[in-house]
PDB file of N, CA and C in Angstrom:
ATOM      1  N   MET A   1     -53.317 -46.360  76.438  1.00  0.00           N
ATOM      2  CA  MET A   1     -53.943 -45.615  77.114  1.00  0.00           C
ATOM      3  C   MET A   1     -54.032 -45.262  78.679  1.00  0.00           C
ATOM      4  N   ASP A   2     -54.579 -43.897  78.909  1.00  0.00           N
ATOM      5  CA  ASP A   2     -54.222 -43.304  79.932  1.00  0.00           C
ATOM      6  C   ASP A   2     -55.546 -43.804  81.198  1.00  0.00           C
ATOM      7  N   GLY A   3     -55.969 -44.489  80.991  1.00  0.00           N
ATOM      8  CA  GLY A   3     -57.611 -44.885  81.908  1.00  0.00           C
ATOM      9  C   GLY A   3     -58.824 -44.105  81.337  1.00  0.00           C
ATOM     10  N   MET A   4     -58.636 -43.875  80.506  1.00  0.00           N
ATOM     11  CA  MET A   4     -59.945 -42.629  80.210  1.00  0.00           C
ATOM     12  C   MET A   4     -61.387 -43.377  79.208  1.00  0.00           C
ATOM     13  N   VAL A   5     -60.903 -44.699  79.079  1.00  0.00           N
ATOM     14  CA  VAL A   5     -61.795 -45.635  78.302  1.00  0.00           C
ATOM     15  C   VAL A   5     -63.151 -45.824  79.418  1.00  0.00           C
ATOM     16  N   GLY A   6     -64.197 -44.949  78.688  1.00  0.00           N
ATOM     17  CA  GLY A   6     -65.550 -45.009  79.377  1.00  0.00           C
ATOM     18  C   GLY A   6     -65.891 -43.780  79.989  1.00  0.00           C
ATOM     19  N   HIS A   7     -64.880 -42.773  80.547  1.00  0.00           N
ATOM     20  CA  HIS A   7     -64.958 -41.711  80.844  1.00  0.00           C
ATOM     21  C   HIS A   7     -65.193 -40.690  80.261  1.00  0.00           C
ATOM     22  N   ARG A   8     -66.100 -39.212  80.584  1.00  0.00           N
ATOM     23  CA  ARG A   8     -66.229 -38.403  79.410  1.00  0.00           C
ATOM     24  C   ARG A   8     -65.382 -37.116  80.266  1.00  0.00           C
ATOM     25  N   ARG A   9     -65.034 -36.585  79.082  1.00  0.00           N
ATOM     26  CA  ARG A   9     -64.383 -35.257  79.613  1.00  0.00           C
ATOM     27  C   ARG A   9     -65.164 -34.290  78.906  1.00  0.00           C
ATOM     28  N   ASP A  10     -65.074 -32.780  79.361  1.00  0.00           N
ATOM     29  CA  ASP A  10     -65.216 -31.955  78.234  1.00  0.00           C
ATOM     30  C   ASP A  10     -63.834 -31.219  77.355  1.00  0.00           C
ATOM     31  N   GLN A  11     -63.848 -30.838  76.397  1.00  0.00           N
ATOM     32  CA  GLN A  11     -63.194 -30.194  75.527  1.00  0.00           C
ATOM     33  C   GLN A  11     -63.676 -29.339  74.687  1.00  0.00           C
ATOM     34  N   THR A  12     -62.926 -28.037  74.846  1.00  0.00           N
ATOM     35  CA  THR A  12     -63.217 -26.604  73.763  1.00  0.00           C
ATOM     36  C   THR A  12     -62.680 -27.203  72.885  1.00  0.00           C
ATOM     37  N   ILE A  13     -63.210 -26.686  71.884  1.00  0.00           N
ATOM     38  CA  ILE A  13     -62.697 -26.721  70.209  1.00  0.00           C
ATOM     39  C   ILE A  13     -63.482 -25.318  70.101  1.00  0.00           C
ATOM     40  N   GLY A  14     -62.587 -24.240  69.901  1.00  0.00           N
ATOM     41  CA  GLY A  14     -62.733 -23.142  69.260  1.00  0.00           C
ATOM     42  C   GLY A  14     -63.848 -22.591  70.069  1.00  0.00           C
ATOM     43  N   HIS A  15     -65.498 -21.867  70.070  1.00  0.00           N
ATOM     44  CA  HIS A  15     -65.938 -21.548  70.552  1.00  0.00           C
ATOM     45  C   HIS A  15     -67.411 -22.653  71.166  1.00  0.00           C
ATOM     46  N   VAL A  16     -67.068 -23.913  70.863  1.00  0.00           N
ATOM     47  CA  VAL A  16     -67.938 -25.032  70.860  1.00  0.00           C
ATOM     48  C   VAL A  16     -67.258 -25.997  72.049  1.00  0.00           C
ATOM     49  N   ARG A  17     -67.973 -26.104  73.315  1.00  0.00           N
ATOM     50  CA  ARG A  17     -67.693 -27.189  74.049  1.00  0.00           C
ATOM     51  C   ARG A  17     -68.556 -28.482  73.803  1.00  0.00           C
ATOM     52  N   THR A  18     -67.778 -29.536  73.840  1.00  0.00           N
ATOM     53  CA  THR A  18     -68.391 -31.017  73.559  1.00  0.00           C
ATOM     54  C   THR A  18     -67.644 -31.525  74.275  1.00  0.00           C
ATOM     55  N   LYS A  19     -68.359 -32.950  74.809  1.00  0.00           N
ATOM     56  CA  LYS A  19     -67.622 -34.256  75.310  1.00  0.00           C
ATOM     57  C   LYS A  19     -67.714 -35.070  74.409  1.00  0.00           C
ATOM     58  N   TYR A  20     -66.264 -35.421  74.819  1.00  0.00           N
ATOM     59  CA  TYR A  20     -65.243 -36.780  74.431  1.00  0.00           C
ATOM     60  C   TYR A  20     -65.443 -37.606  75.273  1.00  0.00           C
ATOM     61  N   SER A  21     -65.675 -38.957  74.759  1.00  0.00           N
ATOM     62  CA  SER A  21     -65.509 -39.956  75.577  1.00  0.00           C
ATOM     63  C   SER A  21     -63.552 -40.453  75.604  1.00  0.00           C
ATOM     64  N   GLY A  22     -63.496 -41.181  76.561  1.00  0.00           N
ATOM     65  CA  GLY A  22     -62.092 -41.548  76.850  1.00  0.00           C
ATOM     66  C   GLY A  22     -61.828 -42.655  75.301  1.00  0.00           C
ATOM     67  N   LEU A  23     -62.753 -43.405  74.677  1.00  0.00           N
ATOM     68  CA  LEU A  23     -62.619 -43.779  73.805  1.00  0.00           C
ATOM     69  C   LEU A  23     -62.114 -42.952  72.481  1.00  0.00           C
ATOM     70  N   GLN A  24     -62.847 -41.971  72.430  1.00  0.00           N
ATOM     71  CA  GLN A  24     -62.649 -41.290  71.323  1.00  0.00           C
ATOM     72  C   GLN A  24     -61.356 -40.828  71.320  1.00  0.00           C
ATOM     73  N   THR A  25     -61.124 -39.811  72.276  1.00  0.00           N
ATOM     74  CA  THR A  25     -59.858 -39.452  72.806  1.00  0.00           C
ATOM     75  C   THR A  25     -58.557 -40.262  72.367  1.00  0.00           C
ATOM     76  N   ALA A  26     -58.734 -41.673  72.703  1.00  0.00           N
ATOM     77  CA  ALA A  26     -57.586 -42.525  72.032  1.00  0.00           C
ATOM     78  C   ALA A  26     -57.622 -42.596  70.783  1.00  0.00           C
ATOM     79  N   VAL A  27     -58.739 -42.453  70.311  1.00  0.00           N
ATOM     80  CA  VAL A  27     -58.980 -42.952  68.402  1.00  0.00           C
ATOM     81  C   VAL A  27     -58.269 -41.538  67.956  1.00  0.00           C
ATOM     82  N   ASP A  28     -58.451 -40.282  68.481  1.00  0.00           N
ATOM     83  CA  ASP A  28     -57.956 -39.152  68.197  1.00  0.00           C
ATOM     84  C   ASP A  28     -56.338 -39.125  68.238  1.00  0.00           C
ATOM     85  N   ARG A  29     -55.940 -39.819  69.006  1.00  0.00           N
ATOM     86  CA  ARG A  29     -54.573 -39.672  69.692  1.00  0.00           C
ATOM     87  C   ARG A  29     -53.598 -40.785  68.594  1.00  0.00           C
ATOM     88  N   GLY A  30     -54.357 -41.870  68.376  1.00  0.00           N
ATOM     89  CA  GLY A  30     -54.082 -42.837  67.566  1.00  0.00           C
ATOM     90  C   GLY A  30     -53.966 -41.998  65.881  1.00  0.00           C
ATOM     91  N   ARG A  31     -55.158 -41.556  65.643  1.00  0.00           N
ATOM     92  CA  ARG A  31     -55.136 -40.539  64.279  1.00  0.00           C
ATOM     93  C   ARG A  31     -54.047 -39.612  64.041  1.00  0.00           C
ATOM     94  N   ASP A  32     -53.567 -39.015  65.249  1.00  0.00           N
ATOM     95  CA  ASP A  32     -52.785 -38.141  65.409  1.00  0.00           C
ATOM     96  C   ASP A  32     -51.148 -38.472  65.141  1.00  0.00           C
ATOM     97  N   ARG A  33     -50.935 -39.943  65.426  1.00  0.00           N
ATOM     98  CA  ARG A  33     -49.816 -40.408  65.844  1.00  0.00           C
ATOM     99  C   ARG A  33     -49.509 -40.952  64.299  1.00  0.00           C
ATOM    100  N   ALA A  34     -50.515 -41.450  63.317  1.00  0.00           N
ATOM    101  CA  ALA A  34     -50.379 -41.992  62.192  1.00  0.00           C
ATOM    102  C   ALA A  34     -50.007 -40.940  60.990  1.00  0.00           C
ATOM    103  N   GLN A  35     -50.023 -39.689  61.494  1.00  0.00           N
ATOM    104  CA  GLN A  35     -50.032 -38.816  60.429  1.00  0.00           C
ATOM    105  C   GLN A  35     -48.482 -38.376  60.543  1.00  0.00           C
ATOM    106  N   PRO A  36     -47.490 -38.124  59.490  1.00  0.00           N
ATOM    107  CA  PRO A  36     -46.237 -37.848  59.692  1.00  0.00           C
ATOM    108  C   PRO A  36     -45.530 -36.417  59.802  1.00  0.00           C
ATOM    109  N   SER A  37     -44.754 -35.994  60.216  1.00  0.00           N
ATOM    110  CA  SER A  37     -44.546 -34.903  60.731  1.00  0.00           C
ATOM    111  C   SER A  37     -43.890 -34.086  59.582  1.00  0.00           C
ATOM    112  N   TRP A  38     -44.007 -32.830  59.906  1.00  0.00           N
ATOM    113  CA  TRP A  38     -43.488 -32.206  58.614  1.00  0.00           C
ATOM    114  C   TRP A  38     -41.762 -32.445  58.116  1.00  0.00           C
ATOM    115  N   VAL A  39     -40.805 -32.788  59.085  1.00  0.00           N
ATOM    116  CA  VAL A  39     -39.840 -32.742  59.062  1.00  0.00           C
ATOM    117  C   VAL A  39     -39.753 -34.397  58.146  1.00  0.00           C
ATOM    118  N   GLU A  40     -40.724 -35.348  58.399  1.00  0.00           N
ATOM    119  CA  GLU A  40     -40.772 -36.610  57.846  1.00  0.00           C
ATOM    120  C   GLU A  40     -41.002 -36.365  56.510  1.00  0.00           C
ATOM    121  N   VAL A  41     -42.089 -35.344  55.879  1.00  0.00           N
ATOM    122  CA  VAL A  41     -42.474 -35.271  55.156  1.00  0.00           C
ATOM    123  C   VAL A  41     -41.936 -34.438  53.763  1.00  0.00           C
ATOM    124  N   HIS A  42     -41.084 -32.868  54.512  1.00  0.00           N
ATOM    125  CA  HIS A  42     -40.469 -32.401  53.716  1.00  0.00           C
ATOM    126  C   HIS A  42     -39.225 -32.369  53.741  1.00  0.00           C
ATOM    127  N   GLY A  43     -38.813 -33.117  54.945  1.00  0.00           N
ATOM    128  CA  GLY A  43     -37.313 -33.509  55.021  1.00  0.00           C
ATOM    129  C   GLY A  43     -36.445 -34.519  53.784  1.00  0.00           C
ATOM    130  N   LEU A  44     -37.603 -35.455  53.629  1.00  0.00           N
ATOM    131  CA  LEU A  44     -37.376 -36.469  52.765  1.00  0.00           C
ATOM    132  C   LEU A  44     -37.051 -35.753  51.284  1.00  0.00           C
ATOM    133  N   CYS A  45     -38.308 -34.990  50.700  1.00  0.00           N
ATOM    134  CA  CYS A  45     -38.068 -34.430  49.492  1.00  0.00           C
ATOM    135  C   CYS A  45     -36.889 -33.322  49.658  1.00  0.00           C
ATOM    136  N   MET A  46     -36.444 -32.522  50.760  1.00  0.00           N
ATOM    137  CA  MET A  46     -35.271 -31.840  50.513  1.00  0.00           C
ATOM    138  C   MET A  46     -34.396 -32.349  50.370  1.00  0.00           C
ATOM    139  N   LEU A  47     -34.135 -33.513  51.040  1.00  0.00           N
ATOM    140  CA  LEU A  47     -33.019 -34.248  50.764  1.00  0.00           C
ATOM    141  C   LEU A  47     -32.866 -34.911  48.907  1.00  0.00           C
ATOM    142  N   ALA A  48     -34.259 -35.544  48.688  1.00  0.00           N
ATOM    143  CA  ALA A  48     -33.927 -35.750  47.512  1.00  0.00           C
ATOM    144  C   ALA A  48     -33.277 -34.661  46.485  1.00  0.00           C
ATOM    145  N   ARG A  49     -34.146 -33.346  46.837  1.00  0.00           N
ATOM    146  CA  ARG A  49     -33.582 -32.210  45.903  1.00  0.00           C
ATOM    147  C   ARG A  49     -31.978 -32.321  45.765  1.00  0.00           C
ATOM    148  N   VAL A  50     -31.674 -32.285  46.678  1.00  0.00           N
ATOM    149  CA  VAL A  50     -29.919 -31.970  47.208  1.00  0.00           C
ATOM    150  C   VAL A  50     -29.018 -33.163  46.544  1.00  0.00           C
ATOM    151  N   VAL A  51     -29.730 -34.118  46.649  1.00  0.00           N
ATOM    152  CA  VAL A  51     -29.059 -35.245  45.906  1.00  0.00           C
ATOM    153  C   VAL A  51     -29.426 -35.233  44.887  1.00  0.00           C
ATOM    154  N   CYS A  52     -30.484 -34.676  43.830  1.00  0.00           N
ATOM    155  CA  CYS A  52     -30.507 -34.715  42.562  1.00  0.00           C
ATOM    156  C   CYS A  52     -29.503 -33.729  42.125  1.00  0.00           C
ATOM    157  N   CYS A  53     -29.709 -32.572  42.943  1.00  0.00           N
ATOM    158  CA  CYS A  53     -28.659 -31.317  42.266  1.00  0.00           C
ATOM    159  C   CYS A  53     -27.644 -31.355  42.036  1.00  0.00           C
ATOM    160  N   TYR A  54     -26.989 -32.466  43.362  1.00  0.00           N
ATOM    161  CA  TYR A  54     -25.476 -32.575  43.410  1.00  0.00           C
ATOM    162  C   TYR A  54     -24.863 -33.720  41.673  1.00  0.00           C
ATOM    163  N   VAL A  55     -25.976 -34.540  41.961  1.00  0.00           N
ATOM    164  CA  VAL A  55     -25.836 -35.622  41.085  1.00  0.00           C
ATOM    165  C   VAL A  55     -25.893 -34.642  39.590  1.00  0.00           C
ATOM    166  N   ALA A  56     -26.398 -33.605  39.319  1.00  0.00           N
ATOM    167  CA  ALA A  56     -26.993 -32.993  38.085  1.00  0.00           C
ATOM    168  C   ALA A  56     -25.782 -32.115  37.976  1.00  0.00           C
ATOM    169  N   LEU A  57     -25.194 -31.743  39.184  1.00  0.00           N
ATOM    170  CA  LEU A  57     -23.620 -31.050  39.173  1.00  0.00           C
ATOM    171  C   LEU A  57     -22.658 -31.518  38.833  1.00  0.00           C
ATOM    172  N   GLU A  58     -22.814 -32.611  39.306  1.00  0.00           N
ATOM    173  CA  GLU A  58     -21.529 -33.360  38.765  1.00  0.00           C
ATOM    174  C   GLU A  58     -21.467 -33.970  37.434  1.00  0.00           C
ATOM    175  N   PHE A  59     -22.539 -34.539  37.015  1.00  0.00           N
ATOM    176  CA  PHE A  59     -22.518 -34.563  35.461  1.00  0.00           C
ATOM    177  C   PHE A  59     -22.113 -33.669  34.695  1.00  0.00           C
ATOM    178  N   SER A  60     -23.039 -32.175  35.100  1.00  0.00           N
ATOM    179  CA  SER A  60     -22.369 -31.087  34.089  1.00  0.00           C
ATOM    180  C   SER A  60     -20.929 -31.221  34.306  1.00  0.00           C
ATOM    181  N   ALA A  61     -20.255 -31.512  35.453  1.00  0.00           N
ATOM    182  CA  ALA A  61     -18.941 -30.771  35.758  1.00  0.00           C
ATOM    183  C   ALA A  61     -17.941 -31.933  34.375  1.00  0.00           C
ATOM    184  N   ALA A  62     -18.288 -33.120  34.838  1.00  0.00           N
ATOM    185  CA  ALA A  62     -17.906 -34.046  33.690  1.00  0.00           C
ATOM    186  C   ALA A  62     -17.944 -33.646  32.735  1.00  0.00           C
ATOM    187  N   GLY A  63     -19.260 -33.312  32.175  1.00  0.00           N
ATOM    188  CA  GLY A  63     -18.895 -33.399  30.722  1.00  0.00           C
ATOM    189  C   GLY A  63     -18.375 -32.131  30.071  1.00  0.00           C
ATOM    190  N   ARG A  64     -18.437 -30.916  31.058  1.00  0.00           N
ATOM    191  CA  ARG A  64     -17.688 -29.797  30.744  1.00  0.00           C
ATOM    192  C   ARG A  64     -16.057 -30.199  30.918  1.00  0.00           C
ATOM    193  N   SER A  65     -15.600 -31.214  31.447  1.00  0.00           N
ATOM    194  CA  SER A  65     -13.968 -31.583  31.376  1.00  0.00           C
ATOM    195  C   SER A  65     -13.635 -32.284  30.248  1.00  0.00           C
ATOM    196  N   GLN A  66     -14.974 -33.280  30.230  1.00  0.00           N
ATOM    197  CA  GLN A  66     -14.544 -34.282  28.854  1.00  0.00           C
ATOM    198  C   GLN A  66     -14.289 -33.324  27.271  1.00  0.00           C
ATOM    199  N   THR A  67     -15.133 -32.191  27.870  1.00  0.00           N
ATOM    200  CA  THR A  67     -15.391 -31.538  26.091  1.00  0.00           C
ATOM    201  C   THR A  67     -14.220 -30.574  26.365  1.00  0.00           C
ATOM    202  N   THR A  68     -13.523 -30.013  27.332  1.00  0.00           N
ATOM    203  CA  THR A  68     -12.039 -29.289  27.619  1.00  0.00           C
ATOM    204  C   THR A  68     -10.971 -30.250  26.821  1.00  0.00           C
ATOM    205  N   ARG A  69     -11.134 -31.731  27.868  1.00  0.00           N
ATOM    206  CA  ARG A  69      -9.952 -32.740  27.172  1.00  0.00           C
ATOM    207  C   ARG A  69     -10.271 -32.607  25.574  1.00  0.00           C
ATOM    208  N   ALA A  70     -11.078 -33.003  25.025  1.00  0.00           N
ATOM    209  CA  ALA A  70     -11.695 -33.246  23.871  1.00  0.00           C
ATOM    210  C   ALA A  70     -11.272 -31.911  22.730  1.00  0.00           C
ATOM    211  N   SER A  71     -11.222 -30.801  23.221  1.00  0.00           N
ATOM    212  CA  SER A  71     -10.763 -29.526  22.459  1.00  0.00           C
ATOM    213  C   SER A  71      -9.358 -29.535  22.733  1.00  0.00           C
ATOM    214  N   MET A  72      -8.673 -29.854  23.652  1.00  0.00           N
ATOM    215  CA  MET A  72      -7.435 -29.599  23.868  1.00  0.00           C
ATOM    216  C   MET A  72      -6.728 -30.509  22.674  1.00  0.00           C
ATOM    217  N   GLN A  73      -6.854 -31.645  22.328  1.00  0.00           N
ATOM    218  CA  GLN A  73      -6.439 -32.984  21.872  1.00  0.00           C
ATOM    219  C   GLN A  73      -6.073 -32.528  20.448  1.00  0.00           C
ATOM    220  N   SER A  74      -5.380 -32.977  19.868  1.00  0.00           N
ATOM    221  CA  SER A  74      -5.112 -32.654  18.120  1.00  0.00           C
ATOM    222  C   SER A  74      -6.196 -33.476  17.759  1.00  0.00           C
ATOM    223  N   PRO A  75      -6.365 -32.371  16.553  1.00  0.00           N
ATOM    224  CA  PRO A  75      -7.705 -32.990  15.782  1.00  0.00           C
ATOM    225  C   PRO A  75      -7.242 -34.742  15.097  1.00  0.00           C
ATOM    226  N   LEU A  76      -8.126 -35.377  14.888  1.00  0.00           N
ATOM    227  CA  LEU A  76      -8.123 -36.549  14.490  1.00  0.00           C
ATOM    228  C   LEU A  76      -7.480 -36.220  12.827  1.00  0.00           C
ATOM    229  N   SER A  77      -6.753 -37.289  12.106  1.00  0.00           N
ATOM    230  CA  SER A  77      -6.810 -37.291  10.681  1.00  0.00           C
ATOM    231  C   SER A  77      -7.542 -38.192  10.241  1.00  0.00           C
ATOM    232  N   LEU A  78      -8.146 -38.270   8.891  1.00  0.00           N
ATOM    233  CA  LEU A  78      -9.000 -39.335   8.347  1.00  0.00           C
ATOM    234  C   LEU A  78      -7.916 -40.070   7.793  1.00  0.00           C
ATOM    235  N   CYS A  79      -6.868 -39.463   6.911  1.00  0.00           N
ATOM    236  CA  CYS A  79      -5.831 -40.011   6.210  1.00  0.00           C
ATOM    237  C   CYS A  79      -4.998 -41.232   6.834  1.00  0.00           C
ATOM    238  N   SER A  80      -4.758 -41.154   8.135  1.00  0.00           N
ATOM    239  CA  SER A  80      -4.329 -42.371   8.833  1.00  0.00           C
ATOM    240  C   SER A  80      -4.226 -43.445   8.756  1.00  0.00           C
TER     241      SER A  80
END
């Protein structure tokens, strides 16, 4: 804390002027620190999407290459 506990200060929010105690200011700062940043929330989601898309593309490409290999092989004979 910055030594504001017990002291009062004016704070203007919009057109309303209120008085906050130093303790309330410290509580507000703690609440602000507890909220994750945009990067923490959306950055992880974006990373997960990229990884999922990569895996899907790899799976799709692997499936296509196996299909291509299977079509290039000679047909199996049931009489052998």
